[in-house]
Amino acid sequence: MSRFAQRLIACIVAIAVGSLICALPVSATTAKDGGACSKVNDIQLTKKDVLICADYGTKRKWRKLAPLPASTKPASKKCTVNRQCVVGDIGPGGGIIFFVSETAFTAPGTACNTACRYLEAAPNSWNGKTVDPRVIWVADMVQCFQDRSNSPDVNCHGGGVYSSSVGQAASRLANTAIGMGQANTNAILSRQTGVSPVTFAAGLADNLVFGGVADWYLPSKDELYLMSSVLRARGFGGFSVGHYWSSSESHPRYAWTQYFADETSFLSLKGGTNYVRPIRAFG
């Protein structure tokens, strides 16, 4: 059975259960290394590689997210701000580098802001254990917004973290991109005042102090996808086989998750429990 057929069956099962909505990965049959692309930092998956749309000044081209770490070679080299980092290095925060941008990207709310170059994922020991914790996306509180409204919702499991005054649809479209994880995390935290941070995904990530830094956050949908495609698929990171939360809300009731067994993305009910792995951006 092909991998696509396996994912399709998994999607059908998930939809039948009713707690998940499946989104199969986009085929990248027309994308190739060196080929033209349109949107910087868009990601595409081919049979062999993860491709990133890079800006080369006069043109934009697909490039491999390389050098990719070999599955048999664990991360060992410590990458510092004084040395060029590569995918698979141990980052300044003690995590594993999984994204290297040829040009600076913007990550609102982070210390590197408009001059970010790297993303690192916390190691599997970040929570004091070898297995990532599972929590809900948000606590069920009257601090969120009704769909297409500024009025408070009766609970955050059915209401959005974005108000219509800032454009719910626009915010949900933008919040999936590489670099948006910290801004998403901040938006969620603003709707969860008074809630213990260790009880919900964004709070758990934001609460982390590891490797001498405290700027960890819950990854966006695309950042989480890269973490799975680049690290998990090559045996790095000690991830569990299951769904991991992103910080990207897609609907008042749903947020994006990534299934860490293949490259399938899902929409999961906010009240369900899924795994958490924090990341951080730096320049």
Protein backbone atom coordinates (compact mmCIF):
# COMPACT_ATOMS: atom_id res chain seq x y z
CA MET A 1 0.00 0.00 0.00
CA SER A 2 1.38 3.45 -0.93
CA ARG A 3 2.07 6.11 1.70
CA PHE A 4 -0.63 8.30 0.15
CA ALA A 5 -3.18 5.48 0.46
CA GLN A 6 -2.17 4.93 4.09
CA ARG A 7 -2.62 8.64 4.84
CA LEU A 8 -5.96 8.69 3.05
CA ILE A 9 -7.22 5.79 5.19
CA ALA A 10 -5.96 7.56 8.31
CA CYS A 11 -7.84 10.69 7.25
CA ILE A 12 -11.07 8.77 6.68
CA VAL A 13 -10.78 7.18 10.12
CA ALA A 14 -10.04 10.54 11.74
CA ILE A 15 -13.03 12.19 10.10
CA ALA A 16 -15.27 9.28 11.11
CA VAL A 17 -14.17 9.69 14.72
CA GLY A 18 -15.23 13.33 14.50
CA SER A 19 -12.54 14.93 16.63
CA LEU A 20 -10.14 15.51 13.76
CA ILE A 21 -10.26 17.01 10.29
CA CYS A 22 -7.52 15.78 7.98
CA ALA A 23 -5.43 17.75 5.49
CA LEU A 24 -3.23 15.59 3.29
CA PRO A 25 0.19 17.05 2.44
CA VAL A 26 0.36 18.95 -0.83
CA SER A 27 2.15 17.05 -3.59
CA ALA A 28 5.24 18.81 -4.87
CA THR A 29 5.49 17.02 -8.21
CA THR A 30 5.92 20.35 -10.04
CA ALA A 31 8.41 21.75 -7.52
CA LYS A 32 12.08 20.93 -7.91
CA ASP A 33 15.37 22.14 -6.53
CA GLY A 34 16.32 25.29 -8.46
CA GLY A 35 12.86 25.71 -9.98
CA ALA A 36 10.87 28.92 -9.80
CA CYS A 37 8.56 29.58 -6.85
CA SER A 38 6.44 32.53 -5.75
CA LYS A 39 6.17 32.91 -1.97
CA VAL A 40 9.30 33.12 0.20
CA ASN A 41 9.51 30.37 2.85
CA ASP A 42 6.71 28.33 1.30
CA ILE A 43 7.42 24.65 1.84
CA GLN A 44 6.87 21.69 -0.47
CA LEU A 45 7.53 18.01 0.01
CA THR A 46 8.93 15.83 -2.78
CA LYS A 47 9.61 12.12 -2.61
CA LYS A 48 13.13 12.76 -1.33
CA ASP A 49 13.41 16.32 -0.05
CA VAL A 50 11.80 19.19 1.79
CA LEU A 51 11.97 22.28 -0.44
CA ILE A 52 11.93 25.90 0.71
CA CYS A 53 11.12 28.89 -1.50
CA ALA A 54 14.15 31.19 -1.18
CA ASP A 55 14.58 34.79 -2.31
CA TYR A 56 17.64 35.37 -4.52
CA GLY A 57 17.06 39.07 -5.17
CA THR A 58 15.90 39.10 -8.77
CA LYS A 59 14.15 35.73 -8.57
CA ARG A 60 12.73 33.18 -6.15
CA LYS A 61 13.70 29.54 -6.42
CA TRP A 62 13.05 26.27 -4.63
CA ARG A 63 16.03 24.97 -2.67
CA LYS A 64 16.57 21.89 -0.55
CA LEU A 65 16.56 22.48 3.17
CA ALA A 66 20.15 21.25 3.25
CA PRO A 67 22.39 19.92 4.53
CA LEU A 68 19.87 17.53 6.04
CA PRO A 69 21.07 15.45 8.98
CA ALA A 70 21.62 11.75 8.40
CA SER A 71 19.36 9.57 10.53
CA THR A 72 22.36 7.61 11.77
CA LYS A 73 24.26 10.68 12.96
CA PRO A 74 22.92 12.31 16.14
CA ALA A 75 23.30 16.03 16.68
CA SER A 76 26.59 16.73 18.41
CA LYS A 77 28.11 20.04 17.31
CA LYS A 78 27.15 23.09 19.36
CA CYS A 79 26.13 25.98 17.15
CA THR A 80 26.84 29.42 18.58
CA VAL A 81 25.93 32.88 17.35
CA ASN A 82 29.53 33.27 16.20
CA ARG A 83 29.41 30.27 13.86
CA GLN A 84 27.28 29.40 10.84
CA CYS A 85 24.67 26.87 11.94
CA VAL A 86 23.48 23.92 9.89
CA VAL A 87 20.47 21.66 10.24
CA GLY A 88 21.17 19.01 12.86
CA ASP A 89 23.47 21.17 15.02
CA ILE A 90 22.76 21.69 18.70
CA GLY A 91 21.45 25.24 18.96
CA PRO A 92 22.38 27.97 21.46
CA GLY A 93 19.37 26.97 23.56
CA GLY A 94 20.36 23.31 23.70
CA GLY A 95 17.82 22.21 21.07
CA ILE A 96 18.28 20.86 17.54
CA ILE A 97 18.45 23.19 14.52
CA PHE A 98 15.76 22.25 12.00
CA PHE A 99 15.48 25.36 9.81
CA VAL A 100 18.21 27.53 8.28
CA SER A 101 17.11 30.46 6.13
CA GLU A 102 19.42 31.88 3.47
CA THR A 103 17.90 35.30 4.05
CA ALA A 104 16.57 36.86 7.24
CA PHE A 105 12.94 36.12 8.07
CA THR A 106 10.59 37.93 10.43
CA ALA A 107 9.35 36.32 13.63
CA PRO A 108 7.19 38.93 15.42
CA GLY A 109 7.64 38.99 19.18
CA THR A 110 11.03 37.25 19.19
CA ALA A 111 14.38 38.79 20.09
CA CYS A 112 15.63 38.42 16.50
CA ASN A 113 12.41 40.04 15.17
CA THR A 114 13.13 40.92 11.49
CA ALA A 115 16.63 39.41 11.46
CA CYS A 116 15.92 35.75 12.28
CA ARG A 117 17.90 33.03 10.51
CA TYR A 118 17.33 29.81 12.46
CA LEU A 119 14.74 27.69 14.25
CA GLU A 120 15.65 25.14 16.90
CA ALA A 121 13.41 22.55 18.57
CA ALA A 122 13.76 21.79 22.25
CA PRO A 123 15.22 18.31 22.96
CA ASN A 124 12.97 15.56 24.24
CA SER A 125 14.37 16.13 27.74
CA TRP A 126 12.95 19.66 27.89
CA ASN A 127 10.17 18.70 30.31
CA GLY A 128 12.40 16.67 32.61
CA LYS A 129 11.24 13.43 31.00
CA THR A 130 11.92 11.56 27.76
CA VAL A 131 8.32 11.74 26.54
CA ASP A 132 6.62 15.00 25.52
CA PRO A 133 3.65 16.03 27.70
CA ARG A 134 0.08 15.99 26.39
CA VAL A 135 -2.26 18.87 27.22
CA ILE A 136 -5.25 20.73 25.81
CA TRP A 137 -4.83 23.66 23.39
CA VAL A 138 -6.62 26.19 25.61
CA ALA A 139 -8.55 26.13 28.86
CA ASP A 140 -12.34 26.44 28.60
CA MET A 141 -12.83 30.07 29.67
CA VAL A 142 -14.99 33.06 28.75
CA GLN A 143 -12.05 35.02 27.36
CA CYS A 144 -12.30 34.26 23.65
CA PHE A 145 -14.42 35.74 20.85
CA GLN A 146 -17.45 34.59 18.94
CA ASP A 147 -16.86 33.89 15.26
CA ARG A 148 -16.81 37.12 13.19
CA SER A 149 -17.51 39.12 16.36
CA ASN A 150 -15.88 41.11 19.14
CA SER A 151 -18.37 39.69 21.65
CA PRO A 152 -17.03 37.26 24.27
CA ASP A 153 -17.73 33.60 23.64
CA VAL A 154 -19.13 31.33 26.32
CA ASN A 155 -15.88 29.33 26.25
CA CYS A 156 -12.51 29.15 24.49
CA HIS A 157 -13.21 25.66 23.15
CA GLY A 158 -15.82 27.19 20.88
CA GLY A 159 -14.49 30.74 20.54
CA GLY A 160 -11.51 32.23 18.74
CA VAL A 161 -8.40 33.85 20.17
CA TYR A 162 -8.67 36.59 17.52
CA SER A 163 -11.34 39.28 17.52
CA SER A 164 -13.04 40.45 14.35
CA SER A 165 -11.57 43.93 14.95
CA VAL A 166 -8.18 42.51 13.95
CA GLY A 167 -9.65 40.30 11.24
CA GLN A 168 -10.23 36.72 12.29
CA ALA A 169 -10.00 35.27 8.79
CA ALA A 170 -6.84 37.22 7.95
CA SER A 171 -5.21 36.28 11.25
CA ARG A 172 -5.95 32.58 10.78
CA LEU A 173 -4.56 32.68 7.25
CA ALA A 174 -1.33 34.42 8.31
CA ASN A 175 -0.75 32.49 11.52
CA THR A 176 0.34 29.27 9.79
CA ALA A 177 3.55 30.71 8.31
CA ILE A 178 7.17 30.19 9.31
CA GLY A 179 8.04 32.87 11.86
CA MET A 180 4.52 33.23 13.29
CA GLY A 181 4.78 30.84 16.25
CA GLN A 182 5.73 33.45 18.86
CA ALA A 183 3.00 35.88 17.75
CA ASN A 184 0.45 33.06 17.85
CA THR A 185 1.64 32.02 21.30
CA ASN A 186 1.26 35.59 22.55
CA ALA A 187 -2.27 35.81 21.10
CA ILE A 188 -3.27 32.59 22.90
CA LEU A 189 -1.71 33.74 26.19
CA SER A 190 -3.69 36.99 26.04
CA ARG A 191 -6.89 34.90 26.08
CA GLN A 192 -5.77 32.64 28.95
CA THR A 193 -5.11 35.08 31.79
CA GLY A 194 -5.26 33.44 35.19
CA VAL A 195 -4.76 29.93 33.79
CA SER A 196 -1.87 27.80 35.03
CA PRO A 197 0.65 27.80 32.14
CA VAL A 198 1.47 24.11 32.49
CA THR A 199 -2.11 23.09 31.72
CA PHE A 200 -2.35 24.26 28.09
CA ALA A 201 -0.05 24.00 25.07
CA ALA A 202 1.05 27.61 24.48
CA GLY A 203 1.46 28.24 28.20
CA LEU A 204 3.58 25.13 28.62
CA ALA A 205 5.88 26.16 25.76
CA ASP A 206 6.10 29.80 26.87
CA ASN A 207 6.85 28.76 30.47
CA LEU A 208 9.96 26.82 29.46
CA VAL A 209 13.42 27.92 30.59
CA PHE A 210 16.01 25.61 29.04
CA GLY A 211 19.60 25.95 27.88
CA GLY A 212 19.90 29.31 29.60
CA VAL A 213 17.14 30.91 27.49
CA ALA A 214 13.47 31.59 28.14
CA ASP A 215 12.22 32.57 24.66
CA TRP A 216 10.60 29.25 23.70
CA TYR A 217 7.14 29.17 22.14
CA LEU A 218 4.58 26.88 20.49
CA PRO A 219 5.41 26.46 16.77
CA SER A 220 3.11 27.58 13.96
CA LYS A 221 1.62 25.01 11.57
CA ASP A 222 4.43 25.39 9.01
CA GLU A 223 7.14 25.44 11.67
CA LEU A 224 5.71 22.23 13.14
CA TYR A 225 5.56 20.66 9.68
CA LEU A 226 9.25 21.40 9.16
CA MET A 227 10.09 19.94 12.54
CA SER A 228 8.36 16.71 11.57
CA SER A 229 9.71 16.55 8.00
CA VAL A 230 13.30 17.45 8.81
CA LEU A 231 13.87 15.97 12.28
CA ARG A 232 11.26 13.33 13.01
CA ALA A 233 11.50 11.73 9.57
CA ARG A 234 15.25 11.24 10.07
CA GLY A 235 15.13 9.87 13.59
CA PHE A 236 16.08 13.09 15.38
CA GLY A 237 14.41 14.59 18.45
CA GLY A 238 12.90 11.58 20.22
CA PHE A 239 9.34 12.49 19.18
CA SER A 240 6.33 10.39 20.10
CA VAL A 241 4.12 8.85 17.42
CA GLY A 242 1.01 10.95 17.71
CA HIS A 243 -0.44 14.41 17.17
CA TYR A 244 1.50 17.53 18.18
CA TRP A 245 -0.13 20.91 18.74
CA SER A 246 0.75 23.94 16.66
CA SER A 247 -0.11 27.47 17.75
CA SER A 248 -2.18 28.06 14.59
CA GLU A 249 -5.92 28.40 15.12
CA SER A 250 -8.01 27.61 12.03
CA HIS A 251 -11.56 27.79 13.37
CA PRO A 252 -13.22 28.77 16.66
CA ARG A 253 -13.29 25.08 17.61
CA TYR A 254 -10.14 23.78 15.92
CA ALA A 255 -6.37 24.28 15.86
CA TRP A 256 -3.81 22.69 13.56
CA THR A 257 -1.89 19.59 14.65
CA GLN A 258 0.81 17.55 12.94
CA TYR A 259 0.73 13.76 12.98
CA PHE A 260 4.27 12.68 13.84
CA ALA A 261 4.32 9.48 11.82
CA ASP A 262 4.09 11.09 8.36
CA GLU A 263 3.55 14.56 6.87
CA THR A 264 -0.22 14.72 7.46
CA SER A 265 -1.74 17.80 9.09
CA PHE A 266 -5.01 17.72 11.01
CA LEU A 267 -7.46 20.09 12.61
CA SER A 268 -8.05 18.97 16.19
CA LEU A 269 -10.64 20.06 18.73
CA LYS A 270 -9.13 22.53 21.18
CA GLY A 271 -10.36 20.54 24.16
CA GLY A 272 -8.48 17.40 23.11
CA THR A 273 -5.03 16.52 24.44
CA ASN A 274 -2.01 16.37 22.14
CA TYR A 275 1.76 16.46 22.48
CA VAL A 276 3.79 19.68 22.87
CA ARG A 277 7.34 20.47 21.70
CA PRO A 278 8.54 24.08 22.07
CA ILE A 279 10.80 25.86 19.59
CA ARG A 280 12.68 29.17 19.42
CA ALA A 281 13.95 31.51 16.70
CA PHE A 282 17.31 33.26 16.68
CA GLY A 283 19.52 35.21 14.30
